[in-house]
Structures are given as structure tokens and as C-alpha cells.
Amino acid sequence: MVKRRRLNKGQQRQVSVNQKKRLKNSDIEWTDSQLNPPEAGRVISRFGQHADIRDEQGNTYRCHIRRVIGSLVCGDSVLWSRATAEQQGMQGVVVAVQERESLLSRPDYYDGLKPVAANIDQIFIISSVLPSFSSPLIDRYLIACEDMGIEPVVVLNKADLLPQIDEHERLHIEQRLKDYESIGYKVLQVSSTTQRGLDSLQDLLKDSISIVVGQSGVGKSSLVNQLLPNVNANTNLVSGNSGLGQHTTTVATWYDLKQGGALIDSPGIREFSLWHLEPERIARCYVEFRDYLGGCKFRDCKHADDPGCALQEAVSNNQLHEWRLSNYHRIIETMKTQKPSRATRGK
């Protein structure tokens, strides 16, 4: 278990000051006469104890979040009341959260599952030629999508760079994308530089609530800027030192689409842990495995070198892609080192 470094006295004082500031800023109350009747709204973004709320006419208001409300994330449908007069820049108050149709959560080592966005119809899993293409990372997102019942779309961004990379790597990427299509996933190759594939992307976005996810540096914000030219989402380049993307977007943000629907741009995630899922559930989230699960000789089959493994037999008969089973084992092995103890989780 990773030990937390103890704060020195100066750091402890600063934490105390920050906590007092947060409590002071959150101490906002209106009388009933100062609030209009509750109305429907949508959370555009969340910042600590306040949120930007979009009303049904498309106007945005910064609102205080009542303490009785627990989780509130981008995409939530809420009831909120307009204030007759602002307090500390707040124009209203969120009074209730409507039932969610779906919720995207990101596992956090210390805080457990952290909600990212709600009421999503489809998730665009953005990968790219640079940083290096990673099918295990894509599989992690696909598992999350399958577990939550949200439609995934695999998107290769920076496709204009394919002719410039090593031929072996190019063929590897193209074959993996074909394999994903053969499994049944939607796959797009796009470029925010040449605008290749953006029309197809726009068609899929129409009348749906979508979110873009993927490791930092794959060009999520650049794609948002192409799809929503008036947004000007912050972008950054891949770090020359580490080869990893540099974080640019800091909070999940909702953008309305002119063709209907909305697009949520989420903070960059370099790693998408799955330690909250059991191995059996992860295997089930590999959709092409499902016809073979339960057909192994032993009920506790680990699908490795176990005798009578139905998955291994299917790989031998070219009914399953060997690399997908290899990714599965890689994810399971990684979970052993990532899963926090009960004492650590939730601190």
C-alpha cells in the first residue's frame, strides 16, 4: 500500500485556510421569497460547490449546490431555482437531481469510483497514432462501456499520420481496427488536421448525448474545436520529454450541438482502472467471449493454460482473436497491483 507523505505545519495551515474559504463560499442561503419556483435544467459543468446550469431556453446560470445534494456531475438533469438577487456571483440554487439513465465513473485509488458524467448515450473512445496506439487501453474503455450499457465508438484520431509511421506499426494499427469492426464495434478514422472522417463523426453525434474519452494527447480537445468551432477548447501538445499527452481540459464540459444532442469533453485519463470489477465480469464485458463462457471444463477456469478452456480452444480454431484474450489477461494481471485495500479506498 502506498504511504501518504505527512504534511508539514505550513502545509497543514494552508489546508485549514482553504477549508475555511470553501466553507465561507458555500454558506449561501436565500429565503423562499428570494427564489423562483423550481424549473428543469442541465448541469453544463461542476466546480466544487457550484455548477453551471443550462435552462430550457439555452441560457447558462452559475448556481450554488445545496449541501443535501450528494453527487452532481456534468450531464445531470436537475431542478433549480433562480434567485431574485445574486449572492457571491451565484444566480440560483440546485435543489434536486433527477434520476440518471447512465453514469460514467472513473475509479480513483483513494476516493473509489468518481463520477465523471451522467445520462450519456454513447462514448467515443479516442486513440491516436501519437501517443502510441494501445489496444489494451481501448479494451479498458470498451469494458467500462459494456459494464455500464453505453454504446462505444472506437475513433482513431491523427489518421493523417499513418503514412508517416513505420510500416509494421501502421499495419498493426489497421489490423486492430479491422478486428474491432469484425467484433461488431463502430470504428472511425479521423483527422482534425485534414478533417478526414469528421462528417461521419458528426452523423453519429446527431441527436445523442456523447462523451469523448481517451488518454491525454490523443487530440480530444482538437476534435472538439473542429466539431464546435466557437468553443475553442484548450489544447496542448504531446510532451517531448515523456511522449505522454499534457492535460488541458480540467473539468467535464457540456456543449450543445447545432444538429441536436450534445458533446461532453472530459478531462484526460491516461489510465482507466477496472479494479472495481471482478474478473468474471471483465470476461463477460468482452462481448465475443460470451458464447464460450460457461463452456470450460472447470468452473474456476482462468482461461490461461487451464485444461479444457473453451476460450483457448476458440482461439486455436481462429474463432476468437488471440490478442483480445492476451489483453484480457494483461488487464487481470494489472488489477492485482492496482486494486486498493479497503483501508486505503475511500480515504
Protein backbone atom coordinates (compact mmCIF):
# COMPACT_ATOMS: atom_id res chain seq x y z
CA MET A 1 0.00 0.00 0.00
CA VAL A 2 1.34 3.44 -0.90
CA LYS A 3 2.06 5.54 2.18
CA ARG A 4 0.87 9.11 2.18
CA ARG A 5 3.52 11.71 2.93
CA ARG A 6 2.67 13.68 6.08
CA LEU A 7 2.07 17.39 5.63
CA ASN A 8 4.39 19.84 7.35
CA LYS A 9 2.98 22.58 9.61
CA GLY A 10 2.93 25.16 6.82
CA GLN A 11 1.03 22.84 4.51
CA GLN A 12 -1.41 21.98 7.31
CA ARG A 13 -2.09 25.69 7.90
CA GLN A 14 -2.72 26.23 4.18
CA VAL A 15 -5.14 23.30 4.06
CA SER A 16 -7.00 24.78 7.05
CA VAL A 17 -7.22 28.21 5.36
CA ASN A 18 -8.50 26.65 2.14
CA GLN A 19 -11.13 24.66 4.02
CA LYS A 20 -12.37 27.78 5.80
CA LYS A 21 -12.59 29.62 2.48
CA ARG A 22 -14.60 26.78 0.96
CA LEU A 23 -16.99 26.75 3.92
CA LYS A 24 -17.41 30.52 3.71
CA ASN A 25 -18.08 30.44 -0.01
CA SER A 26 -20.56 27.59 0.39
CA ASP A 27 -22.53 29.46 3.08
CA ILE A 28 -25.12 30.86 0.66
CA GLU A 29 -28.78 30.94 1.59
CA TRP A 30 -31.84 32.58 0.09
CA THR A 31 -35.26 32.93 1.67
CA ASP A 32 -38.22 31.43 -0.17
CA SER A 33 -39.25 34.91 -1.30
CA GLN A 34 -35.85 35.36 -2.97
CA LEU A 35 -36.20 32.21 -5.09
CA ASN A 36 -38.43 31.50 -8.06
CA PRO A 37 -40.28 28.15 -8.35
CA PRO A 38 -38.04 25.18 -9.31
CA GLU A 39 -37.53 24.51 -13.02
CA ALA A 40 -35.73 21.92 -15.11
CA GLY A 41 -32.09 22.40 -16.05
CA ARG A 42 -28.95 20.59 -17.15
CA VAL A 43 -25.52 20.60 -15.49
CA ILE A 44 -23.03 22.00 -18.01
CA SER A 45 -20.04 21.76 -15.68
CA ARG A 46 -19.30 21.36 -11.96
CA PHE A 47 -16.82 23.43 -9.95
CA GLY A 48 -16.62 22.48 -6.28
CA GLN A 49 -19.77 23.69 -4.54
CA HIS A 50 -21.25 25.40 -7.58
CA ALA A 51 -22.26 24.40 -11.09
CA ASP A 52 -23.17 25.98 -14.41
CA ILE A 53 -26.80 25.15 -15.21
CA ARG A 54 -28.38 25.43 -18.68
CA ASP A 55 -32.10 26.25 -18.70
CA GLU A 56 -34.58 25.02 -21.31
CA GLN A 57 -34.10 28.22 -23.34
CA GLY A 58 -30.35 27.62 -23.64
CA ASN A 59 -29.20 30.23 -21.12
CA THR A 60 -26.49 29.38 -18.58
CA TYR A 61 -26.52 30.32 -14.89
CA ARG A 62 -23.94 29.77 -12.17
CA CYS A 63 -25.67 28.11 -9.25
CA HIS A 64 -24.93 27.11 -5.70
CA ILE A 65 -25.36 23.41 -4.88
CA ARG A 66 -27.30 22.68 -1.71
CA ARG A 67 -25.38 20.61 0.82
CA VAL A 68 -28.06 17.91 0.88
CA ILE A 69 -27.19 17.04 -2.73
CA GLY A 70 -24.53 14.36 -2.88
CA SER A 71 -23.17 13.54 -6.31
CA LEU A 72 -23.62 16.08 -9.13
CA VAL A 73 -21.82 15.81 -12.47
CA CYS A 74 -21.86 17.18 -15.98
CA GLY A 75 -24.94 15.94 -17.84
CA ASP A 76 -27.16 15.60 -14.78
CA SER A 77 -30.79 16.69 -15.15
CA VAL A 78 -31.68 18.86 -12.17
CA LEU A 79 -34.31 21.07 -10.61
CA TRP A 80 -33.01 24.54 -9.78
CA SER A 81 -34.45 27.85 -8.60
CA ARG A 82 -33.48 31.26 -9.94
CA ALA A 83 -32.57 33.87 -7.37
CA THR A 84 -34.04 37.38 -7.47
CA ALA A 85 -30.61 38.71 -6.46
CA GLU A 86 -27.11 37.27 -6.81
CA GLN A 87 -25.04 36.16 -3.83
CA GLN A 88 -21.27 35.85 -4.25
CA GLY A 89 -21.76 35.56 -8.00
CA MET A 90 -24.36 32.79 -7.67
CA GLN A 91 -27.55 33.27 -9.71
CA GLY A 92 -29.58 30.40 -8.33
CA VAL A 93 -29.51 27.15 -6.39
CA VAL A 94 -29.67 23.50 -7.40
CA VAL A 95 -32.39 21.89 -5.27
CA ALA A 96 -32.68 18.32 -6.64
CA VAL A 97 -31.10 15.82 -9.06
CA GLN A 98 -33.31 13.78 -11.39
CA GLU A 99 -32.84 10.03 -11.78
CA ARG A 100 -29.93 9.17 -14.07
CA GLU A 101 -30.22 6.99 -17.16
CA SER A 102 -26.49 6.24 -17.16
CA LEU A 103 -23.34 7.25 -15.29
CA LEU A 104 -19.71 7.21 -16.37
CA SER A 105 -17.42 6.78 -13.36
CA ARG A 106 -13.65 6.71 -13.15
CA PRO A 107 -12.02 4.54 -10.47
CA ASP A 108 -9.72 6.52 -8.21
CA TYR A 109 -7.14 4.87 -5.97
CA TYR A 110 -8.06 6.88 -2.86
CA ASP A 111 -11.65 8.02 -3.49
CA GLY A 112 -13.20 4.89 -5.00
CA LEU A 113 -15.46 5.41 -8.01
CA LYS A 114 -15.52 9.08 -9.05
CA PRO A 115 -18.47 10.04 -11.31
CA VAL A 116 -17.47 11.91 -14.48
CA ALA A 117 -20.67 12.46 -16.47
CA ALA A 118 -24.31 11.36 -16.49
CA ASN A 119 -27.09 10.49 -18.94
CA ILE A 120 -24.74 9.55 -21.78
CA ASP A 121 -25.95 7.69 -24.89
CA GLN A 122 -22.57 6.88 -26.44
CA ILE A 123 -18.87 7.11 -25.65
CA PHE A 124 -16.28 7.99 -28.27
CA ILE A 125 -13.05 6.23 -27.34
CA ILE A 126 -10.35 8.41 -28.85
CA SER A 127 -7.00 6.82 -29.65
CA SER A 128 -4.34 8.10 -32.00
CA VAL A 129 -1.14 7.32 -33.83
CA LEU A 130 0.69 9.61 -31.37
CA PRO A 131 0.85 8.88 -28.43
CA SER A 132 1.35 5.28 -29.47
CA PHE A 133 -1.76 3.26 -30.29
CA SER A 134 -2.78 0.97 -27.41
CA SER A 135 -5.39 -1.75 -27.84
CA PRO A 136 -5.24 -2.68 -24.09
CA LEU A 137 -6.24 0.88 -23.23
CA ILE A 138 -9.06 0.79 -25.77
CA ASP A 139 -10.19 -2.53 -24.29
CA ARG A 140 -10.35 -0.94 -20.85
CA TYR A 141 -12.77 1.68 -22.13
CA LEU A 142 -14.77 -0.95 -24.01
CA ILE A 143 -15.11 -2.98 -20.82
CA ALA A 144 -16.34 0.13 -18.98
CA CYS A 145 -18.86 0.81 -21.76
CA GLU A 146 -20.15 -2.75 -21.73
CA ASP A 147 -20.42 -2.74 -17.93
CA MET A 148 -22.47 0.48 -17.99
CA GLY A 149 -24.51 -0.42 -21.05
CA ILE A 150 -23.38 2.63 -23.05
CA GLU A 151 -22.72 2.42 -26.80
CA PRO A 152 -18.98 2.70 -27.62
CA VAL A 153 -17.40 4.07 -30.80
CA VAL A 154 -13.67 3.46 -31.42
CA VAL A 155 -12.06 6.53 -33.02
CA LEU A 156 -8.51 6.69 -34.38
CA ASN A 157 -7.52 10.36 -34.43
CA LYS A 158 -4.50 11.82 -36.27
CA ALA A 159 -5.11 9.29 -39.06
CA ASP A 160 -3.22 11.63 -41.39
CA LEU A 161 -0.01 10.48 -39.65
CA LEU A 162 -0.47 6.81 -40.60
CA PRO A 163 1.58 7.05 -43.87
CA GLN A 164 4.43 8.66 -41.92
CA ILE A 165 4.99 5.93 -39.33
CA ASP A 166 6.82 2.61 -39.51
CA GLU A 167 5.04 0.24 -41.91
CA HIS A 168 4.90 -2.56 -39.34
CA GLU A 169 3.20 -0.28 -36.82
CA ARG A 170 0.80 1.06 -39.46
CA LEU A 171 -0.28 -2.44 -40.46
CA HIS A 172 -0.65 -3.34 -36.78
CA ILE A 173 -3.00 -0.41 -36.15
CA GLU A 174 -5.06 -1.03 -39.28
CA GLN A 175 -5.46 -4.72 -38.43
CA ARG A 176 -6.57 -3.96 -34.87
CA LEU A 177 -9.21 -1.55 -36.17
CA LYS A 178 -10.48 -4.19 -38.63
CA ASP A 179 -10.65 -6.69 -35.78
CA TYR A 180 -12.73 -4.30 -33.67
CA GLU A 181 -15.12 -3.90 -36.60
CA SER A 182 -15.37 -7.68 -37.03
CA ILE A 183 -16.35 -7.96 -33.36
CA GLY A 184 -19.18 -5.53 -34.01
CA TYR A 185 -17.87 -2.16 -32.80
CA LYS A 186 -18.24 1.06 -34.75
CA VAL A 187 -14.81 2.30 -35.86
CA LEU A 188 -13.85 5.65 -37.38
CA GLN A 189 -10.56 7.06 -38.65
CA VAL A 190 -10.48 10.85 -38.37
CA SER A 191 -8.10 13.77 -38.51
CA SER A 192 -8.69 17.18 -37.01
CA THR A 193 -5.90 18.44 -39.28
CA THR A 194 -7.25 17.26 -42.63
CA GLN A 195 -10.89 16.91 -41.41
CA ARG A 196 -10.95 13.33 -42.65
CA GLY A 197 -13.93 11.41 -41.28
CA LEU A 198 -15.44 14.40 -39.45
CA ASP A 199 -18.69 14.21 -41.45
CA SER A 200 -19.19 10.61 -40.33
CA LEU A 201 -18.43 11.66 -36.77
CA GLN A 202 -20.99 14.46 -36.99
CA ASP A 203 -23.62 12.00 -38.22
CA LEU A 204 -23.06 9.74 -35.20
CA LEU A 205 -23.26 12.70 -32.81
CA LYS A 206 -26.65 13.86 -34.10
CA ASP A 207 -29.46 13.81 -31.50
CA SER A 208 -27.32 11.90 -28.96
CA ILE A 209 -25.56 12.81 -25.73
CA SER A 210 -21.97 11.75 -26.29
CA ILE A 211 -18.69 11.98 -24.42
CA VAL A 212 -15.12 11.79 -25.68
CA VAL A 213 -12.61 9.85 -23.57
CA GLY A 214 -9.04 8.71 -24.01
CA GLN A 215 -5.54 9.28 -22.71
CA SER A 216 -4.09 12.80 -22.78
CA GLY A 217 -2.53 13.93 -26.04
CA VAL A 218 -4.76 11.93 -28.41
CA GLY A 219 -6.42 15.14 -29.61
CA LYS A 220 -9.78 15.13 -27.86
CA SER A 221 -9.94 18.91 -27.48
CA SER A 222 -8.69 19.43 -31.05
CA LEU A 223 -11.58 17.30 -32.28
CA VAL A 224 -14.00 19.31 -30.15
CA ASN A 225 -12.66 22.50 -31.74
CA GLN A 226 -13.31 21.05 -35.20
CA LEU A 227 -16.81 19.90 -34.32
CA LEU A 228 -17.62 23.06 -32.34
CA PRO A 229 -15.52 25.86 -33.85
CA ASN A 230 -16.95 28.50 -31.48
CA VAL A 231 -15.88 26.63 -28.35
CA ASN A 232 -12.08 27.00 -28.55
CA ALA A 233 -11.40 24.20 -26.06
CA ASN A 234 -7.87 24.40 -24.67
CA THR A 235 -5.39 22.17 -26.48
CA ASN A 236 -1.83 21.15 -25.79
CA LEU A 237 0.89 19.20 -27.48
CA VAL A 238 2.38 15.85 -26.61
CA SER A 239 5.25 16.26 -24.18
CA GLY A 240 8.59 15.99 -25.96
CA ASN A 241 10.23 14.60 -22.84
CA SER A 242 7.81 11.87 -21.83
CA GLY A 243 5.91 11.26 -25.07
CA LEU A 244 2.72 11.49 -23.00
CA GLY A 245 -0.07 13.95 -23.51
CA GLN A 246 -0.28 17.03 -21.31
CA HIS A 247 -3.57 17.61 -19.53
CA THR A 248 -5.59 20.54 -20.90
CA THR A 249 -9.27 20.06 -20.05
CA THR A 250 -9.76 20.22 -16.27
CA VAL A 251 -13.50 19.56 -15.87
CA ALA A 252 -16.06 17.67 -17.92
CA THR A 253 -17.93 20.26 -20.00
CA TRP A 254 -21.19 20.02 -21.94
CA TYR A 255 -21.51 21.53 -25.44
CA ASP A 256 -24.82 21.70 -27.32
CA LEU A 257 -24.70 20.57 -30.96
CA LYS A 258 -26.47 22.55 -33.68
CA GLN A 259 -27.73 19.31 -35.28
CA GLY A 260 -29.23 18.24 -31.95
CA GLY A 261 -27.77 16.42 -28.98
CA ALA A 262 -24.66 17.34 -27.03
CA LEU A 263 -20.97 16.56 -26.74
CA ILE A 264 -19.14 16.31 -23.42
CA ASP A 265 -15.40 16.93 -23.35
CA SER A 266 -13.86 15.12 -20.38
CA PRO A 267 -10.55 15.50 -18.52
CA GLY A 268 -7.72 13.45 -19.99
CA ILE A 269 -7.35 9.99 -18.49
CA ARG A 270 -4.05 8.19 -19.08
CA GLU A 271 -5.17 5.07 -17.27
CA PHE A 272 -8.65 3.65 -16.81
CA SER A 273 -8.54 1.22 -13.90
CA LEU A 274 -11.04 -1.60 -13.56
CA TRP A 275 -10.24 -2.83 -10.06
CA HIS A 276 -13.87 -2.35 -9.00
CA LEU A 277 -14.92 -5.19 -11.34
CA GLU A 278 -14.49 -8.90 -10.70
CA PRO A 279 -12.54 -10.96 -13.30
CA GLU A 280 -15.73 -12.81 -14.24
CA ARG A 281 -17.43 -9.51 -15.02
CA ILE A 282 -14.48 -8.33 -17.10
CA ALA A 283 -14.54 -11.55 -19.14
CA ARG A 284 -18.28 -11.01 -19.68
CA CYS A 285 -17.58 -7.50 -20.97
CA TYR A 286 -15.52 -8.99 -23.81
CA VAL A 287 -18.62 -9.40 -25.95
CA GLU A 288 -17.22 -12.09 -28.25
CA PHE A 289 -16.26 -14.25 -25.23
CA ARG A 290 -19.86 -14.64 -24.08
CA ASP A 291 -20.76 -17.57 -26.32
CA TYR A 292 -17.87 -19.57 -24.81
CA LEU A 293 -18.06 -18.59 -21.15
CA GLY A 294 -19.51 -21.45 -19.12
CA GLY A 295 -18.19 -24.00 -21.60
CA CYS A 296 -14.84 -24.58 -19.88
CA LYS A 297 -14.09 -27.93 -18.25
CA PHE A 298 -13.60 -26.35 -14.83
CA ARG A 299 -15.86 -23.72 -13.28
CA ASP A 300 -12.89 -21.76 -11.87
CA CYS A 301 -11.06 -21.71 -15.22
CA LYS A 302 -8.69 -18.75 -15.52
CA HIS A 303 -8.67 -19.04 -19.34
CA ALA A 304 -4.89 -19.33 -19.42
CA ASP A 305 -3.26 -22.78 -19.64
CA ASP A 306 -6.18 -24.48 -17.89
CA PRO A 307 -7.13 -27.83 -19.49
CA GLY A 308 -10.43 -27.76 -21.32
CA CYS A 309 -10.60 -23.95 -21.59
CA ALA A 310 -13.29 -23.02 -24.10
CA LEU A 311 -11.72 -19.61 -24.83
CA GLN A 312 -8.29 -21.08 -25.56
CA GLU A 313 -9.89 -23.67 -27.83
CA ALA A 314 -11.79 -20.92 -29.68
CA VAL A 315 -8.50 -19.05 -30.19
CA SER A 316 -6.91 -22.21 -31.59
CA ASN A 317 -9.82 -22.55 -34.02
CA ASN A 318 -9.49 -18.88 -35.08
CA GLN A 319 -12.92 -18.12 -33.65
CA LEU A 320 -11.50 -15.52 -31.26
CA HIS A 321 -8.65 -13.04 -31.69
CA GLU A 322 -5.64 -14.17 -29.67
CA TRP A 323 -4.65 -10.57 -28.90
CA ARG A 324 -8.02 -9.90 -27.26
CA LEU A 325 -7.55 -12.83 -24.88
CA SER A 326 -3.99 -11.65 -24.25
CA ASN A 327 -5.32 -8.16 -23.41
CA TYR A 328 -7.81 -9.73 -21.02
CA HIS A 329 -5.03 -11.50 -19.11
CA ARG A 330 -2.93 -8.33 -19.13
CA ILE A 331 -5.80 -6.35 -17.59
CA ILE A 332 -6.47 -9.02 -14.95
CA GLU A 333 -2.78 -9.10 -14.03
CA THR A 334 -2.62 -5.31 -13.79
CA MET A 335 -5.64 -5.27 -11.48
CA LYS A 336 -3.70 -7.25 -8.88
CA THR A 337 -1.34 -4.32 -8.35
CA GLN A 338 -3.90 -1.55 -8.85
CA LYS A 339 -6.71 -2.70 -6.56
CA PRO A 340 -6.56 -0.64 -3.34
CA SER A 341 -7.09 -2.16 0.08
CA ARG A 342 -10.30 -1.41 1.96
CA ALA A 343 -8.30 0.72 4.35
CA THR A 344 -6.97 2.88 1.54
CA ARG A 345 -10.10 3.09 -0.62
CA GLY A 346 -12.39 5.93 0.30
CA LYS A 347 -9.83 7.90 2.35
